[in-house]
């Protein structure tokens, strides 16, 4: 069974070490980063690419709180803190507005309490991550079964190869396809929810989970798509002025 890559952040170095030892005793976790500073943590995770975060909330410095780190990274997170009650509104917002798994455990806690909470949280993540499929009609074939998380973005831009009444859909694992008679206004009827896809331009709807970076210099988002040449390549999609503030807020 594959392990989930976990990253830990706690300014109490003794607590940080204990949490790491406990998680490493659970076969489902692999600790790939363990830091006592938010600044160092954010640098390390760019390399280690964790899937799950375990964060203290108040970190004893003025750089960032654990909550600010969570909002910036938008990954499944379990808060491990003595003052979670002060952050209930932010926790609710993180779960509701970004559609990710969030849990917490309040210090002090026993080793068994931490293990049980972490295991329960993992079950929630596994349930949440179960692949969802939809059926789409392409130019040559009908009712193609497609995993939603394999869709990178949809385009109505003629310069990208789509016709005015159709759309071009881009993937992580197959070449682009033409969607026949497909309207952005009816995406949710097809199973592509607004909570999953963000509008960055009148011609683009992008799967949030595939946005790698927001480039302020040229106001574009970076994604990886499977090209016509048969390999995964980086692509930069222009963000129009009307949508720049919402995209920037998402990628904080």
Protein backbone atom coordinates (compact mmCIF):
# COMPACT_ATOMS: atom_id res chain seq x y z
CA UNK A 1 0.00 0.00 0.00
CA UNK A 2 1.40 3.42 -0.93
CA UNK A 3 2.10 5.87 1.86
CA UNK A 4 0.80 9.41 2.20
CA UNK A 5 3.56 12.01 2.34
CA UNK A 6 3.14 14.15 5.46
CA UNK A 7 4.75 17.46 6.45
CA UNK A 8 4.87 18.67 10.08
CA UNK A 9 5.16 22.22 11.43
CA UNK A 10 5.36 23.02 15.16
CA UNK A 11 7.51 25.61 16.93
CA UNK A 12 7.79 23.30 19.97
CA UNK A 13 10.70 21.12 18.84
CA UNK A 14 10.04 18.45 21.47
CA UNK A 15 6.39 18.17 20.43
CA UNK A 16 7.44 18.19 16.78
CA UNK A 17 9.76 15.23 17.32
CA UNK A 18 7.11 13.30 19.25
CA UNK A 19 4.52 13.90 16.53
CA UNK A 20 6.98 12.74 13.89
CA UNK A 21 7.79 9.55 15.78
CA UNK A 22 4.10 8.76 16.24
CA UNK A 23 3.26 9.33 12.57
CA UNK A 24 6.23 7.25 11.47
CA UNK A 25 4.86 4.41 13.59
CA UNK A 26 1.72 4.42 11.43
CA UNK A 27 2.40 2.45 8.25
CA UNK A 28 0.22 4.73 6.10
CA UNK A 29 2.39 7.82 6.64
CA UNK A 30 5.80 8.91 5.40
CA UNK A 31 7.12 12.11 7.02
CA UNK A 32 8.87 14.10 4.28
CA UNK A 33 9.31 17.41 6.14
CA UNK A 34 9.47 18.37 9.82
CA UNK A 35 10.10 22.03 10.71
CA UNK A 36 9.76 24.47 13.59
CA UNK A 37 9.76 27.57 11.36
CA UNK A 38 7.10 28.49 8.80
CA UNK A 39 9.68 30.13 6.54
CA UNK A 40 11.85 27.00 6.44
CA UNK A 41 8.76 24.80 6.13
CA UNK A 42 7.55 26.59 2.99
CA UNK A 43 10.96 26.18 1.37
CA UNK A 44 11.25 22.49 2.26
CA UNK A 45 7.86 21.44 0.98
CA UNK A 46 8.63 22.80 -2.48
CA UNK A 47 11.13 19.96 -2.68
CA UNK A 48 9.34 17.25 -0.67
CA UNK A 49 5.84 17.86 -2.15
CA UNK A 50 3.72 16.57 0.78
CA UNK A 51 0.13 15.43 0.40
CA UNK A 52 -0.98 16.05 4.00
CA UNK A 53 -0.10 18.77 6.52
CA UNK A 54 0.08 18.60 10.32
CA UNK A 55 0.27 22.19 11.56
CA UNK A 56 0.50 24.03 14.85
CA UNK A 57 -1.49 27.28 14.75
CA UNK A 58 0.51 29.79 16.79
CA UNK A 59 4.15 29.43 15.83
CA UNK A 60 5.83 31.90 18.17
CA UNK A 61 7.15 34.17 15.40
CA UNK A 62 5.76 36.95 13.27
CA UNK A 63 6.37 35.34 9.87
CA UNK A 64 3.17 33.29 9.49
CA UNK A 65 0.63 31.40 11.59
CA UNK A 66 -0.18 27.77 10.88
CA UNK A 67 -3.57 28.90 9.59
CA UNK A 68 -1.94 31.27 7.09
CA UNK A 69 0.26 28.40 5.90
CA UNK A 70 -2.83 26.21 5.45
CA UNK A 71 -4.63 28.87 3.40
CA UNK A 72 -1.56 29.35 1.21
CA UNK A 73 -0.99 25.66 0.49
CA UNK A 74 -4.60 24.44 0.35
CA UNK A 75 -3.73 20.82 1.13
CA UNK A 76 -5.50 18.39 3.47
CA UNK A 77 -4.53 19.57 6.95
CA UNK A 78 -4.83 18.44 10.54
CA UNK A 79 -4.21 21.22 13.05
CA UNK A 80 -2.27 20.09 16.13
CA UNK A 81 -2.58 22.96 18.56
CA UNK A 82 -3.60 24.12 22.02
CA UNK A 83 -5.85 26.90 20.73
CA UNK A 84 -7.92 25.47 17.88
CA UNK A 85 -11.11 26.95 19.34
CA UNK A 86 -9.85 30.44 18.46
CA UNK A 87 -9.67 29.46 14.80
CA UNK A 88 -13.00 27.69 14.29
CA UNK A 89 -14.27 30.26 11.75
CA UNK A 90 -11.08 29.97 9.70
CA UNK A 91 -11.21 26.16 9.88
CA UNK A 92 -14.81 26.22 8.63
CA UNK A 93 -13.84 28.59 5.81
CA UNK A 94 -10.91 26.40 4.77
CA UNK A 95 -13.18 23.36 4.51
CA UNK A 96 -16.08 25.15 2.86
CA UNK A 97 -14.38 27.50 0.39
CA UNK A 98 -11.52 25.27 -0.80
CA UNK A 99 -13.19 21.88 -0.64
CA UNK A 100 -10.35 20.12 1.21
CA UNK A 101 -10.19 17.77 4.21
CA UNK A 102 -9.55 19.55 7.52
CA UNK A 103 -9.40 18.17 11.07
CA UNK A 104 -7.83 19.12 14.40
CA UNK A 105 -6.67 17.76 17.72
CA UNK A 106 -6.22 19.96 20.77
CA UNK A 107 -3.09 19.82 22.93
CA UNK A 108 -2.42 18.20 25.31
CA UNK A 109 -3.26 14.75 23.97
CA UNK A 110 -2.02 11.21 24.47
CA UNK A 111 -0.13 9.22 21.87
CA UNK A 112 -3.15 6.97 21.33
CA UNK A 113 -5.46 9.98 20.86
CA UNK A 114 -3.10 11.36 18.24
CA UNK A 115 -2.87 8.02 16.43
CA UNK A 116 -6.65 7.53 16.37
CA UNK A 117 -7.27 11.08 15.15
CA UNK A 118 -4.62 10.79 12.43
CA UNK A 119 -5.99 7.44 11.25
CA UNK A 120 -9.54 8.76 11.14
CA UNK A 121 -8.33 11.79 9.20
CA UNK A 122 -6.56 9.52 6.73
CA UNK A 123 -9.78 7.57 6.13
CA UNK A 124 -11.55 10.84 5.36
CA UNK A 125 -8.84 11.79 2.88
CA UNK A 126 -8.95 8.38 1.19
CA UNK A 127 -12.72 8.62 0.85
CA UNK A 128 -12.43 12.15 -0.49
CA UNK A 129 -9.74 11.15 -3.00
CA UNK A 130 -11.73 8.31 -4.54
CA UNK A 131 -11.74 9.01 -8.22
CA UNK A 132 -14.93 10.47 -9.62
CA UNK A 133 -15.86 9.86 -13.23
CA UNK A 134 -18.12 11.58 -15.72
CA UNK A 135 -19.18 10.67 -19.26
CA UNK A 136 -18.40 13.10 -22.08
CA UNK A 137 -19.07 13.13 -25.82
CA UNK A 138 -16.05 13.81 -28.02
CA UNK A 139 -15.91 14.44 -31.75
CA UNK A 140 -15.46 10.80 -32.72
CA UNK A 141 -16.77 8.86 -29.71
CA UNK A 142 -19.70 9.10 -27.31
CA UNK A 143 -20.01 8.64 -23.54
CA UNK A 144 -16.30 8.45 -22.81
CA UNK A 145 -15.66 7.63 -19.16
CA UNK A 146 -13.28 10.31 -17.85
CA UNK A 147 -11.73 10.76 -14.39
CA UNK A 148 -12.43 14.33 -13.29
CA UNK A 149 -9.00 14.72 -11.74
CA UNK A 150 -7.40 13.92 -15.13
CA UNK A 151 -8.97 17.07 -16.65
CA UNK A 152 -6.62 20.07 -16.56
CA UNK A 153 -8.69 22.73 -18.31
CA UNK A 154 -11.36 23.45 -20.91
CA UNK A 155 -10.95 26.02 -23.64
CA UNK A 156 -13.30 27.92 -25.95
CA UNK A 157 -10.43 29.74 -27.63
CA UNK A 158 -10.36 29.22 -31.40
CA UNK A 159 -6.61 29.78 -31.39
CA UNK A 160 -6.31 26.63 -29.26
CA UNK A 161 -8.17 24.52 -31.79
CA UNK A 162 -11.81 24.58 -30.69
CA UNK A 163 -14.80 25.63 -32.74
CA UNK A 164 -17.17 28.37 -31.59
CA UNK A 165 -19.94 26.02 -30.41
CA UNK A 166 -17.59 23.39 -29.05
CA UNK A 167 -14.80 23.23 -26.48
CA UNK A 168 -11.34 21.75 -26.31
CA UNK A 169 -10.60 19.68 -23.19
CA UNK A 170 -7.04 19.09 -21.97
CA UNK A 171 -5.83 16.21 -19.81
CA UNK A 172 -2.94 14.89 -17.76
CA UNK A 173 -2.93 11.49 -19.46
CA UNK A 174 -4.29 11.79 -23.01
CA UNK A 175 -4.22 14.15 -25.96
CA UNK A 176 -6.77 17.01 -26.13
CA UNK A 177 -10.26 16.21 -27.38
CA UNK A 178 -13.07 18.28 -28.87
CA UNK A 179 -16.23 18.42 -26.78
CA UNK A 180 -19.26 18.62 -29.03
CA UNK A 181 -22.02 21.16 -28.32
CA UNK A 182 -20.66 21.86 -24.83
CA UNK A 183 -21.55 25.03 -22.92
CA UNK A 184 -19.64 26.47 -19.96
CA UNK A 185 -22.96 27.50 -18.44
CA UNK A 186 -24.00 23.83 -18.25
CA UNK A 187 -20.72 22.42 -16.90
CA UNK A 188 -22.28 21.48 -13.57
CA UNK A 189 -24.98 19.48 -15.34
CA UNK A 190 -22.15 17.40 -16.81
CA UNK A 191 -20.59 16.89 -13.36
CA UNK A 192 -17.85 19.54 -13.55
CA UNK A 193 -18.53 21.61 -10.44
CA UNK A 194 -17.69 25.26 -9.84
CA UNK A 195 -15.96 24.20 -6.62
CA UNK A 196 -13.50 22.22 -8.79
CA UNK A 197 -13.06 24.48 -11.82
CA UNK A 198 -12.13 28.15 -11.66
CA UNK A 199 -12.77 30.75 -14.37
CA UNK A 200 -9.57 32.57 -15.32
CA UNK A 201 -10.79 34.02 -18.62
CA UNK A 202 -14.07 33.97 -20.52
CA UNK A 203 -12.50 31.23 -22.65
CA UNK A 204 -10.89 29.10 -19.92
CA UNK A 205 -12.13 26.93 -17.05
CA UNK A 206 -9.23 25.39 -15.09
CA UNK A 207 -9.20 22.49 -12.64
CA UNK A 208 -7.98 24.09 -9.38
CA UNK A 209 -5.90 21.10 -8.36
CA UNK A 210 -3.75 21.42 -11.50
CA UNK A 211 -2.75 25.07 -11.06
CA UNK A 212 0.96 24.88 -10.24
CA UNK A 213 1.80 28.58 -10.07
CA UNK A 214 0.39 32.05 -10.63
CA UNK A 215 2.82 34.29 -12.50
CA UNK A 216 2.16 37.95 -11.65
CA UNK A 217 4.63 39.28 -14.21
CA UNK A 218 2.51 38.19 -17.16
CA UNK A 219 -0.75 37.43 -15.28
CA UNK A 220 -0.90 33.75 -16.16
CA UNK A 221 -1.37 30.39 -14.46
CA UNK A 222 0.95 27.46 -15.08
CA UNK A 223 -0.43 23.96 -15.63
CA UNK A 224 0.92 20.65 -16.95
CA UNK A 225 -0.99 19.13 -19.87
CA UNK A 226 -0.59 16.09 -22.08
CA UNK A 227 0.44 17.50 -25.44
CA UNK A 228 -0.28 16.47 -29.02
CA UNK A 229 3.28 15.17 -29.03
CA UNK A 230 2.35 12.60 -26.41
CA UNK A 231 4.08 13.95 -23.32
CA UNK A 232 3.32 16.12 -20.29
CA UNK A 233 4.34 19.74 -20.84
CA UNK A 234 4.02 23.03 -18.95
CA UNK A 235 1.56 25.52 -20.37
CA UNK A 236 0.78 29.11 -19.40
CA UNK A 237 -2.83 30.31 -19.58
CA UNK A 238 -3.62 34.01 -19.59
CA UNK A 239 -5.75 35.33 -16.72
CA UNK A 240 -7.96 38.20 -17.81
CA UNK A 241 -8.26 41.33 -15.68
CA UNK A 242 -11.79 40.51 -14.54
CA UNK A 243 -10.62 37.27 -12.89
CA UNK A 244 -7.15 38.17 -11.61
CA UNK A 245 -8.24 39.00 -8.06
CA UNK A 246 -10.12 35.70 -7.57
CA UNK A 247 -7.26 33.62 -8.99
CA UNK A 248 -4.70 35.46 -6.83
CA UNK A 249 -6.87 34.86 -3.77
CA UNK A 250 -7.03 31.15 -4.52
CA UNK A 251 -3.27 30.86 -5.01
CA UNK A 252 -2.23 32.87 -1.92
